[in-house]
Amino acid sequence: LPVRIGTRSGGVPFDWEDTATWEPTLEGMTAAYISYYPDLAAPG
């Protein structure tokens, strides 16, 4: 199955703190697995 890896180090650049990286990772995708860094308990 087609997979795109979004990460701060390798794959397609994705950074939770840089919203400009979000849209390019979503292009052409139909599903997403979301793990938030550092933790969902973190501010923001």
ModelCIF file with pLDDT and N, C-alpha, C, O atoms, coordinates in Angstrom:
data_MODEL
#
_entry.id   MODEL 
#
_entity.id                         1 
_entity.type                       polymer 
_entity.pdbx_number_of_molecules   1 
#
_entity_poly.entity_id                      1 
_entity_poly.type                           'polypeptide(L)' 
_entity_poly.nstd_linkage                   no 
_entity_poly.nstd_monomer                   no 
_entity_poly.pdbx_seq_one_letter_code       LPVRIGTRSGGVPFDWEDTATWEPTLEGMTAAYISYYPDLAAPG 
_entity_poly.pdbx_seq_one_letter_code_can   LPVRIGTRSGGVPFDWEDTATWEPTLEGMTAAYISYYPDLAAPG 
_entity_poly.pdbx_strand_id                 A 
#
loop_
_entity_poly_seq.entity_id 
_entity_poly_seq.num 
_entity_poly_seq.mon_id 
_entity_poly_seq.hetero 
1 1  LEU n 
1 2  PRO n 
1 3  VAL n 
1 4  ARG n 
1 5  ILE n 
1 6  GLY n 
1 7  THR n 
1 8  ARG n 
1 9  SER n 
1 10 GLY n 
1 11 GLY n 
1 12 VAL n 
1 13 PRO n 
1 14 PHE n 
1 15 ASP n 
1 16 TRP n 
1 17 GLU n 
1 18 ASP n 
1 19 THR n 
1 20 ALA n 
1 21 THR n 
1 22 TRP n 
1 23 GLU n 
1 24 PRO n 
1 25 THR n 
1 26 LEU n 
1 27 GLU n 
1 28 GLY n 
1 29 MET n 
1 30 THR n 
1 31 ALA n 
1 32 ALA n 
1 33 TYR n 
1 34 ILE n 
1 35 SER n 
1 36 TYR n 
1 37 TYR n 
1 38 PRO n 
1 39 ASP n 
1 40 LEU n 
1 41 ALA n 
1 42 ALA n 
1 43 PRO n 
1 44 GLY n 
#
_struct_asym.id          A 
_struct_asym.entity_id   1 
#
loop_
_ma_qa_metric.id 
_ma_qa_metric.mode 
_ma_qa_metric.name 
_ma_qa_metric.software_group_id 
_ma_qa_metric.type 
1 global pLDDT . pLDDT 
2 local  pLDDT . pLDDT 
#
_ma_qa_metric_global.metric_id      1 
_ma_qa_metric_global.metric_value   92.27 
_ma_qa_metric_global.model_id       1 
_ma_qa_metric_global.ordinal_id     1 
#
loop_
_ma_qa_metric_local.label_asym_id 
_ma_qa_metric_local.label_comp_id 
_ma_qa_metric_local.label_seq_id 
_ma_qa_metric_local.metric_id 
_ma_qa_metric_local.metric_value 
_ma_qa_metric_local.model_id 
_ma_qa_metric_local.ordinal_id 
A LEU 1  2 96.00 1 1  
A PRO 2  2 96.00 1 2  
A VAL 3  2 96.00 1 3  
A ARG 4  2 96.00 1 4  
A ILE 5  2 95.00 1 5  
A GLY 6  2 93.00 1 6  
A THR 7  2 88.00 1 7  
A ARG 8  2 83.00 1 8  
A SER 9  2 77.00 1 9  
A GLY 10 2 68.00 1 10 
A GLY 11 2 71.00 1 11 
A VAL 12 2 85.00 1 12 
A PRO 13 2 92.00 1 13 
A PHE 14 2 95.00 1 14 
A ASP 15 2 94.00 1 15 
A TRP 16 2 95.00 1 16 
A GLU 17 2 93.00 1 17 
A ASP 18 2 95.00 1 18 
A THR 19 2 96.00 1 19 
A ALA 20 2 96.00 1 20 
A THR 21 2 96.00 1 21 
A TRP 22 2 97.00 1 22 
A GLU 23 2 96.00 1 23 
A PRO 24 2 95.00 1 24 
A THR 25 2 96.00 1 25 
A LEU 26 2 97.00 1 26 
A GLU 27 2 95.00 1 27 
A GLY 28 2 96.00 1 28 
A MET 29 2 97.00 1 29 
A THR 30 2 97.00 1 30 
A ALA 31 2 98.00 1 31 
A ALA 32 2 98.00 1 32 
A TYR 33 2 98.00 1 33 
A ILE 34 2 98.00 1 34 
A SER 35 2 97.00 1 35 
A TYR 36 2 96.00 1 36 
A TYR 37 2 88.00 1 37 
A PRO 38 2 86.00 1 38 
A ASP 39 2 89.00 1 39 
A LEU 40 2 93.00 1 40 
A ALA 41 2 89.00 1 41 
A ALA 42 2 87.00 1 42 
A PRO 43 2 88.00 1 43 
A GLY 44 2 93.00 1 44 
#
loop_
_atom_site.group_PDB 
_atom_site.id 
_atom_site.type_symbol 
_atom_site.label_atom_id 
_atom_site.label_alt_id 
_atom_site.label_comp_id 
_atom_site.label_asym_id 
_atom_site.label_entity_id 
_atom_site.label_seq_id 
_atom_site.pdbx_PDB_ins_code 
_atom_site.Cartn_x 
_atom_site.Cartn_y 
_atom_site.Cartn_z 
_atom_site.occupancy 
_atom_site.B_iso_or_equiv 
_atom_site.pdbx_formal_charge 
_atom_site.auth_seq_id 
_atom_site.auth_comp_id 
_atom_site.auth_asym_id 
_atom_site.auth_atom_id 
_atom_site.pdbx_PDB_model_num 
ATOM 1   N N  . LEU A 1 1  ? 0.847  -1.192 0.000  1.00 96.00 ? 1  LEU A N  1 
ATOM 2   C CA . LEU A 1 1  ? 0.000  0.000  0.000  1.00 96.00 ? 1  LEU A CA 1 
ATOM 3   C C  . LEU A 1 1  ? 0.882  1.241  0.000  1.00 96.00 ? 1  LEU A C  1 
ATOM 4   O O  . LEU A 1 1  ? 1.938  1.258  0.633  1.00 96.00 ? 1  LEU A O  1 
ATOM 5   N N  . PRO A 1 2  ? 0.445  2.288  -0.716 1.00 96.00 ? 2  PRO A N  1 
ATOM 6   C CA . PRO A 1 2  ? 1.260  3.493  -0.780 1.00 96.00 ? 2  PRO A CA 1 
ATOM 7   C C  . PRO A 1 2  ? 1.361  4.166  0.595  1.00 96.00 ? 2  PRO A C  1 
ATOM 8   O O  . PRO A 1 2  ? 0.357  4.364  1.280  1.00 96.00 ? 2  PRO A O  1 
ATOM 9   N N  . VAL A 1 3  ? 2.587  4.510  0.979  1.00 96.00 ? 3  VAL A N  1 
ATOM 10  C CA . VAL A 1 3  ? 2.851  5.116  2.285  1.00 96.00 ? 3  VAL A CA 1 
ATOM 11  C C  . VAL A 1 3  ? 3.722  6.351  2.102  1.00 96.00 ? 3  VAL A C  1 
ATOM 12  O O  . VAL A 1 3  ? 4.655  6.351  1.299  1.00 96.00 ? 3  VAL A O  1 
ATOM 13  N N  . ARG A 1 4  ? 3.411  7.395  2.850  1.00 96.00 ? 4  ARG A N  1 
ATOM 14  C CA . ARG A 1 4  ? 4.283  8.566  2.911  1.00 96.00 ? 4  ARG A CA 1 
ATOM 15  C C  . ARG A 1 4  ? 4.650  8.781  4.374  1.00 96.00 ? 4  ARG A C  1 
ATOM 16  O O  . ARG A 1 4  ? 3.775  8.900  5.231  1.00 96.00 ? 4  ARG A O  1 
ATOM 17  N N  . ILE A 1 5  ? 5.931  8.828  4.649  1.00 95.00 ? 5  ILE A N  1 
ATOM 18  C CA . ILE A 1 5  ? 6.391  9.029  6.016  1.00 95.00 ? 5  ILE A CA 1 
ATOM 19  C C  . ILE A 1 5  ? 6.683  10.506 6.229  1.00 95.00 ? 5  ILE A C  1 
ATOM 20  O O  . ILE A 1 5  ? 7.507  11.100 5.533  1.00 95.00 ? 5  ILE A O  1 
ATOM 21  N N  . GLY A 1 6  ? 5.992  11.088 7.203  1.00 93.00 ? 6  GLY A N  1 
ATOM 22  C CA . GLY A 1 6  ? 6.227  12.479 7.564  1.00 93.00 ? 6  GLY A CA 1 
ATOM 23  C C  . GLY A 1 6  ? 7.009  12.542 8.862  1.00 93.00 ? 6  GLY A C  1 
ATOM 24  O O  . GLY A 1 6  ? 6.551  12.047 9.891  1.00 93.00 ? 6  GLY A O  1 
ATOM 25  N N  . THR A 1 7  ? 8.180  13.145 8.819  1.00 88.00 ? 7  THR A N  1 
ATOM 26  C CA . THR A 1 7  ? 9.022  13.184 10.008 1.00 88.00 ? 7  THR A CA 1 
ATOM 27  C C  . THR A 1 7  ? 9.958  14.380 9.942  1.00 88.00 ? 7  THR A C  1 
ATOM 28  O O  . THR A 1 7  ? 10.221 14.931 8.873  1.00 88.00 ? 7  THR A O  1 
ATOM 29  N N  . ARG A 1 8  ? 10.454 14.769 11.114 1.00 83.00 ? 8  ARG A N  1 
ATOM 30  C CA . ARG A 1 8  ? 11.394 15.882 11.154 1.00 83.00 ? 8  ARG A CA 1 
ATOM 31  C C  . ARG A 1 8  ? 12.758 15.473 10.629 1.00 83.00 ? 8  ARG A C  1 
ATOM 32  O O  . ARG A 1 8  ? 13.570 16.328 10.275 1.00 83.00 ? 8  ARG A O  1 
ATOM 33  N N  . SER A 1 9  ? 13.018 14.163 10.574 1.00 77.00 ? 9  SER A N  1 
ATOM 34  C CA . SER A 1 9  ? 14.345 13.706 10.148 1.00 77.00 ? 9  SER A CA 1 
ATOM 35  C C  . SER A 1 9  ? 14.205 12.592 9.120  1.00 77.00 ? 9  SER A C  1 
ATOM 36  O O  . SER A 1 9  ? 14.158 11.417 9.482  1.00 77.00 ? 9  SER A O  1 
ATOM 37  N N  . GLY A 1 10 ? 14.139 12.948 7.855  1.00 68.00 ? 10 GLY A N  1 
ATOM 38  C CA . GLY A 1 10 ? 13.998 11.946 6.798  1.00 68.00 ? 10 GLY A CA 1 
ATOM 39  C C  . GLY A 1 10 ? 12.570 11.878 6.311  1.00 68.00 ? 10 GLY A C  1 
ATOM 40  O O  . GLY A 1 10 ? 11.681 12.529 6.861  1.00 68.00 ? 10 GLY A O  1 
ATOM 41  N N  . GLY A 1 11 ? 12.354 11.084 5.273  1.00 71.00 ? 11 GLY A N  1 
ATOM 42  C CA . GLY A 1 11 ? 11.012 11.008 4.698  1.00 71.00 ? 11 GLY A CA 1 
ATOM 43  C C  . GLY A 1 11 ? 10.618 12.344 4.109  1.00 71.00 ? 11 GLY A C  1 
ATOM 44  O O  . GLY A 1 11 ? 11.463 13.076 3.593  1.00 71.00 ? 11 GLY A O  1 
ATOM 45  N N  . VAL A 1 12 ? 9.338  12.664 4.185  1.00 85.00 ? 12 VAL A N  1 
ATOM 46  C CA . VAL A 1 12 ? 8.846  13.970 3.751  1.00 85.00 ? 12 VAL A CA 1 
ATOM 47  C C  . VAL A 1 12 ? 8.907  14.897 4.965  1.00 85.00 ? 12 VAL A C  1 
ATOM 48  O O  . VAL A 1 12 ? 8.389  14.547 6.026  1.00 85.00 ? 12 VAL A O  1 
ATOM 49  N N  . PRO A 1 13 ? 9.531  16.071 4.832  1.00 92.00 ? 13 PRO A N  1 
ATOM 50  C CA . PRO A 1 13 ? 9.667  16.955 5.992  1.00 92.00 ? 13 PRO A CA 1 
ATOM 51  C C  . PRO A 1 13 ? 8.315  17.294 6.609  1.00 92.00 ? 13 PRO A C  1 
ATOM 52  O O  . PRO A 1 13 ? 7.426  17.808 5.931  1.00 92.00 ? 13 PRO A O  1 
ATOM 53  N N  . PHE A 1 14 ? 8.167  17.004 7.896  1.00 95.00 ? 14 PHE A N  1 
ATOM 54  C CA . PHE A 1 14 ? 6.955  17.365 8.633  1.00 95.00 ? 14 PHE A CA 1 
ATOM 55  C C  . PHE A 1 14 ? 7.368  17.779 10.036 1.00 95.00 ? 14 PHE A C  1 
ATOM 56  O O  . PHE A 1 14 ? 8.112  17.080 10.723 1.00 95.00 ? 14 PHE A O  1 
ATOM 57  N N  . ASP A 1 15 ? 6.862  18.934 10.437 1.00 94.00 ? 15 ASP A N  1 
ATOM 58  C CA . ASP A 1 15 ? 7.168  19.438 11.773 1.00 94.00 ? 15 ASP A CA 1 
ATOM 59  C C  . ASP A 1 15 ? 5.896  20.033 12.355 1.00 94.00 ? 15 ASP A C  1 
ATOM 60  O O  . ASP A 1 15 ? 5.289  20.917 11.751 1.00 94.00 ? 15 ASP A O  1 
ATOM 61  N N  . TRP A 1 16 ? 5.487  19.553 13.528 1.00 95.00 ? 16 TRP A N  1 
ATOM 62  C CA . TRP A 1 16 ? 4.271  20.074 14.154 1.00 95.00 ? 16 TRP A CA 1 
ATOM 63  C C  . TRP A 1 16 ? 4.364  21.578 14.416 1.00 95.00 ? 16 TRP A C  1 
ATOM 64  O O  . TRP A 1 16 ? 3.347  22.270 14.462 1.00 95.00 ? 16 TRP A O  1 
ATOM 65  N N  . GLU A 1 17 ? 5.582  22.075 14.586 1.00 93.00 ? 17 GLU A N  1 
ATOM 66  C CA . GLU A 1 17 ? 5.749  23.492 14.907 1.00 93.00 ? 17 GLU A CA 1 
ATOM 67  C C  . GLU A 1 17 ? 5.895  24.358 13.666 1.00 93.00 ? 17 GLU A C  1 
ATOM 68  O O  . GLU A 1 17 ? 6.019  25.578 13.779 1.00 93.00 ? 17 GLU A O  1 
ATOM 69  N N  . ASP A 1 18 ? 5.883  23.757 12.494 1.00 95.00 ? 18 ASP A N  1 
ATOM 70  C CA . ASP A 1 18 ? 5.998  24.496 11.235 1.00 95.00 ? 18 ASP A CA 1 
ATOM 71  C C  . ASP A 1 18 ? 4.826  24.124 10.328 1.00 95.00 ? 18 ASP A C  1 
ATOM 72  O O  . ASP A 1 18 ? 4.900  23.159 9.568  1.00 95.00 ? 18 ASP A O  1 
ATOM 73  N N  . THR A 1 19 ? 3.751  24.894 10.416 1.00 96.00 ? 19 THR A N  1 
ATOM 74  C CA . THR A 1 19 ? 2.522  24.549 9.680  1.00 96.00 ? 19 THR A CA 1 
ATOM 75  C C  . THR A 1 19 ? 2.721  24.559 8.161  1.00 96.00 ? 19 THR A C  1 
ATOM 76  O O  . THR A 1 19 ? 1.925  23.972 7.427  1.00 96.00 ? 19 THR A O  1 
ATOM 77  N N  . ALA A 1 20 ? 3.768  25.216 7.694  1.00 96.00 ? 20 ALA A N  1 
ATOM 78  C CA . ALA A 1 20 ? 4.037  25.234 6.247  1.00 96.00 ? 20 ALA A CA 1 
ATOM 79  C C  . ALA A 1 20 ? 4.394  23.840 5.734  1.00 96.00 ? 20 ALA A C  1 
ATOM 80  O O  . ALA A 1 20 ? 4.289  23.571 4.537  1.00 96.00 ? 20 ALA A O  1 
ATOM 81  N N  . THR A 1 21 ? 4.818  22.951 6.640  1.00 96.00 ? 21 THR A N  1 
ATOM 82  C CA . THR A 1 21 ? 5.185  21.588 6.209  1.00 96.00 ? 21 THR A CA 1 
ATOM 83  C C  . THR A 1 21 ? 3.973  20.670 6.125  1.00 96.00 ? 21 THR A C  1 
ATOM 84  O O  . THR A 1 21 ? 4.077  19.563 5.595  1.00 96.00 ? 21 THR A O  1 
ATOM 85  N N  . TRP A 1 22 ? 2.842  21.102 6.630  1.00 97.00 ? 22 TRP A N  1 
ATOM 86  C CA . TRP A 1 22 ? 1.699  20.200 6.734  1.00 97.00 ? 22 TRP A CA 1 
ATOM 87  C C  . TRP A 1 22 ? 1.070  19.866 5.380  1.00 97.00 ? 22 TRP A C  1 
ATOM 88  O O  . TRP A 1 22 ? 0.868  18.697 5.052  1.00 97.00 ? 22 TRP A O  1 
ATOM 89  N N  . GLU A 1 23 ? 0.767  20.896 4.606  1.00 96.00 ? 23 GLU A N  1 
ATOM 90  C CA . GLU A 1 23 ? 0.007  20.674 3.376  1.00 96.00 ? 23 GLU A CA 1 
ATOM 91  C C  . GLU A 1 23 ? 0.716  19.764 2.372  1.00 96.00 ? 23 GLU A C  1 
ATOM 92  O O  . GLU A 1 23 ? 0.074  18.881 1.801  1.00 96.00 ? 23 GLU A O  1 
ATOM 93  N N  . PRO A 1 24 ? 2.029  19.950 2.135  1.00 95.00 ? 24 PRO A N  1 
ATOM 94  C CA . PRO A 1 24 ? 2.703  19.064 1.179  1.00 95.00 ? 24 PRO A CA 1 
ATOM 95  C C  . PRO A 1 24 ? 2.617  17.584 1.564  1.00 95.00 ? 24 PRO A C  1 
ATOM 96  O O  . PRO A 1 24 ? 2.560  16.720 0.689  1.00 95.00 ? 24 PRO A O  1 
ATOM 97  N N  . THR A 1 25 ? 2.609  17.289 2.855  1.00 96.00 ? 25 THR A N  1 
ATOM 98  C CA . THR A 1 25 ? 2.551  15.879 3.258  1.00 96.00 ? 25 THR A CA 1 
ATOM 99  C C  . THR A 1 25 ? 1.177  15.276 3.002  1.00 96.00 ? 25 THR A C  1 
ATOM 100 O O  . THR A 1 25 ? 1.056  14.061 2.840  1.00 96.00 ? 25 THR A O  1 
ATOM 101 N N  . LEU A 1 26 ? 0.136  16.112 2.964  1.00 97.00 ? 26 LEU A N  1 
ATOM 102 C CA . LEU A 1 26 ? -1.238 15.615 2.817  1.00 97.00 ? 26 LEU A CA 1 
ATOM 103 C C  . LEU A 1 26 ? -1.651 15.411 1.361  1.00 97.00 ? 26 LEU A C  1 
ATOM 104 O O  . LEU A 1 26 ? -2.643 14.733 1.090  1.00 97.00 ? 26 LEU A O  1 
ATOM 105 N N  . GLU A 1 27 ? -0.915 15.979 0.439  1.00 95.00 ? 27 GLU A N  1 
ATOM 106 C CA . GLU A 1 27 ? -1.304 15.939 -0.971 1.00 95.00 ? 27 GLU A CA 1 
ATOM 107 C C  . GLU A 1 27 ? -1.418 14.501 -1.481 1.00 95.00 ? 27 GLU A C  1 
ATOM 108 O O  . GLU A 1 27 ? -0.451 13.741 -1.425 1.00 95.00 ? 27 GLU A O  1 
ATOM 109 N N  . GLY A 1 28 ? -2.585 14.136 -1.972 1.00 96.00 ? 28 GLY A N  1 
ATOM 110 C CA . GLY A 1 28 ? -2.809 12.819 -2.551 1.00 96.00 ? 28 GLY A CA 1 
ATOM 111 C C  . GLY A 1 28 ? -3.078 11.717 -1.540 1.00 96.00 ? 28 GLY A C  1 
ATOM 112 O O  . GLY A 1 28 ? -3.248 10.559 -1.922 1.00 96.00 ? 28 GLY A O  1 
ATOM 113 N N  . MET A 1 29 ? -3.120 12.058 -0.255 1.00 97.00 ? 29 MET A N  1 
ATOM 114 C CA . MET A 1 29 ? -3.350 11.042 0.778  1.00 97.00 ? 29 MET A CA 1 
ATOM 115 C C  . MET A 1 29 ? -4.855 10.846 1.028  1.00 97.00 ? 29 MET A C  1 
ATOM 116 O O  . MET A 1 29 ? -5.652 11.769 0.857  1.00 97.00 ? 29 MET A O  1 
ATOM 117 N N  . THR A 1 30 ? -5.219 9.633  1.433  1.00 97.00 ? 30 THR A N  1 
ATOM 118 C CA . THR A 1 30 ? -6.626 9.368  1.778  1.00 97.00 ? 30 THR A CA 1 
ATOM 119 C C  . THR A 1 30 ? -6.787 8.985  3.247  1.00 97.00 ? 30 THR A C  1 
ATOM 120 O O  . THR A 1 30 ? -7.900 8.978  3.772  1.00 97.00 ? 30 THR A O  1 
ATOM 121 N N  . ALA A 1 31 ? -5.663 8.663  3.915  1.00 98.00 ? 31 ALA A N  1 
ATOM 122 C CA . ALA A 1 31 ? -5.711 8.282  5.327  1.00 98.00 ? 31 ALA A CA 1 
ATOM 123 C C  . ALA A 1 31 ? -4.443 8.785  6.015  1.00 98.00 ? 31 ALA A C  1 
ATOM 124 O O  . ALA A 1 31 ? -3.425 9.031  5.367  1.00 98.00 ? 31 ALA A O  1 
ATOM 125 N N  . ALA A 1 32 ? -4.523 8.935  7.335  1.00 98.00 ? 32 ALA A N  1 
ATOM 126 C CA . ALA A 1 32 ? -3.339 9.377  8.073  1.00 98.00 ? 32 ALA A CA 1 
ATOM 127 C C  . ALA A 1 32 ? -3.288 8.740  9.457  1.00 98.00 ? 32 ALA A C  1 
ATOM 128 O O  . ALA A 1 32 ? -4.301 8.632  10.149 1.00 98.00 ? 32 ALA A O  1 
ATOM 129 N N  . TYR A 1 33 ? -2.081 8.321  9.843  1.00 98.00 ? 33 TYR A N  1 
ATOM 130 C CA . TYR A 1 33 ? -1.811 7.867  11.203 1.00 98.00 ? 33 TYR A CA 1 
ATOM 131 C C  . TYR A 1 33 ? -1.109 9.022  11.909 1.00 98.00 ? 33 TYR A C  1 
ATOM 132 O O  . TYR A 1 33 ? -0.051 9.481  11.476 1.00 98.00 ? 33 TYR A O  1 
ATOM 133 N N  . ILE A 1 34 ? -1.710 9.481  12.994 1.00 98.00 ? 34 ILE A N  1 
ATOM 134 C CA . ILE A 1 34 ? -1.233 10.689 13.660 1.00 98.00 ? 34 ILE A CA 1 
ATOM 135 C C  . ILE A 1 34 ? -0.646 10.359 15.025 1.00 98.00 ? 34 ILE A C  1 
ATOM 136 O O  . ILE A 1 34 ? -1.366 9.931  15.927 1.00 98.00 ? 34 ILE A O  1 
ATOM 137 N N  . SER A 1 35 ? 0.659  10.556 15.176 1.00 97.00 ? 35 SER A N  1 
ATOM 138 C CA . SER A 1 35 ? 1.275  10.532 16.499 1.00 97.00 ? 35 SER A CA 1 
ATOM 139 C C  . SER A 1 35 ? 1.896  11.907 16.706 1.00 97.00 ? 35 SER A C  1 
ATOM 140 O O  . SER A 1 35 ? 2.656  12.394 15.869 1.00 97.00 ? 35 SER A O  1 
ATOM 141 N N  . TYR A 1 36 ? 1.566  12.517 17.821 1.00 96.00 ? 36 TYR A N  1 
ATOM 142 C CA . TYR A 1 36 ? 1.976  13.897 18.070 1.00 96.00 ? 36 TYR A CA 1 
ATOM 143 C C  . TYR A 1 36 ? 3.241  13.933 18.918 1.00 96.00 ? 36 TYR A C  1 
ATOM 144 O O  . TYR A 1 36 ? 3.374  13.202 19.900 1.00 96.00 ? 36 TYR A O  1 
ATOM 145 N N  . TYR A 1 37 ? 4.161  14.792 18.519 1.00 88.00 ? 37 TYR A N  1 
ATOM 146 C CA . TYR A 1 37 ? 5.414  14.944 19.264 1.00 88.00 ? 37 TYR A CA 1 
ATOM 147 C C  . TYR A 1 37 ? 5.427  16.288 19.988 1.00 88.00 ? 37 TYR A C  1 
ATOM 148 O O  . TYR A 1 37 ? 5.068  17.297 19.381 1.00 88.00 ? 37 TYR A O  1 
ATOM 149 N N  . PRO A 1 38 ? 5.830  16.347 21.276 1.00 86.00 ? 38 PRO A N  1 
ATOM 150 C CA . PRO A 1 38 ? 6.347  15.229 22.070 1.00 86.00 ? 38 PRO A CA 1 
ATOM 151 C C  . PRO A 1 38 ? 5.254  14.384 22.723 1.00 86.00 ? 38 PRO A C  1 
ATOM 152 O O  . PRO A 1 38 ? 5.477  13.202 22.987 1.00 86.00 ? 38 PRO A O  1 
ATOM 153 N N  . ASP A 1 39 ? 4.076  14.958 22.991 1.00 89.00 ? 39 ASP A N  1 
ATOM 154 C CA . ASP A 1 39 ? 3.006  14.206 23.631 1.00 89.00 ? 39 ASP A CA 1 
ATOM 155 C C  . ASP A 1 39 ? 1.739  15.042 23.577 1.00 89.00 ? 39 ASP A C  1 
ATOM 156 O O  . ASP A 1 39 ? 1.798  16.272 23.584 1.00 89.00 ? 39 ASP A O  1 
ATOM 157 N N  . LEU A 1 40 ? 0.589  14.371 23.522 1.00 93.00 ? 40 LEU A N  1 
ATOM 158 C CA . LEU A 1 40 ? -0.686 15.105 23.466 1.00 93.00 ? 40 LEU A CA 1 
ATOM 159 C C  . LEU A 1 40 ? -0.935 15.935 24.720 1.00 93.00 ? 40 LEU A C  1 
ATOM 160 O O  . LEU A 1 40 ? -1.806 16.805 24.728 1.00 93.00 ? 40 LEU A O  1 
ATOM 161 N N  . ALA A 1 41 ? -0.168 15.666 25.789 1.00 89.00 ? 41 ALA A N  1 
ATOM 162 C CA . ALA A 1 41 ? -0.313 16.454 27.013 1.00 89.00 ? 41 ALA A CA 1 
ATOM 163 C C  . ALA A 1 41 ? 0.483  17.753 26.948 1.00 89.00 ? 41 ALA A C  1 
ATOM 164 O O  . ALA A 1 41 ? 0.365  18.596 27.838 1.00 89.00 ? 41 ALA A O  1 
ATOM 165 N N  . ALA A 1 42 ? 1.290  17.920 25.906 1.00 87.00 ? 42 ALA A N  1 
ATOM 166 C CA . ALA A 1 42 ? 2.139  19.106 25.797 1.00 87.00 ? 42 ALA A CA 1 
ATOM 167 C C  . ALA A 1 42 ? 1.313  20.342 25.419 1.00 87.00 ? 42 ALA A C  1 
ATOM 168 O O  . ALA A 1 42 ? 0.296  20.221 24.737 1.00 87.00 ? 42 ALA A O  1 
ATOM 169 N N  . PRO A 1 43 ? 1.742  21.517 25.854 1.00 88.00 ? 43 PRO A N  1 
ATOM 170 C CA . PRO A 1 43 ? 1.043  22.757 25.493 1.00 88.00 ? 43 PRO A CA 1 
ATOM 171 C C  . PRO A 1 43 ? 0.969  22.925 23.981 1.00 88.00 ? 43 PRO A C  1 
ATOM 172 O O  . PRO A 1 43 ? 1.946  22.680 23.274 1.00 88.00 ? 43 PRO A O  1 
ATOM 173 N N  . GLY A 1 44 ? -0.195 23.344 23.487 1.00 93.00 ? 44 GLY A N  1 
ATOM 174 C CA . GLY A 1 44 ? -0.364 23.581 22.054 1.00 93.00 ? 44 GLY A CA 1 
ATOM 175 C C  . GLY A 1 44 ? -0.817 22.372 21.261 1.00 93.00 ? 44 GLY A C  1 
ATOM 176 O O  . GLY A 1 44 ? -0.991 22.460 20.045 1.00 93.00 ? 44 GLY A O  1 
#
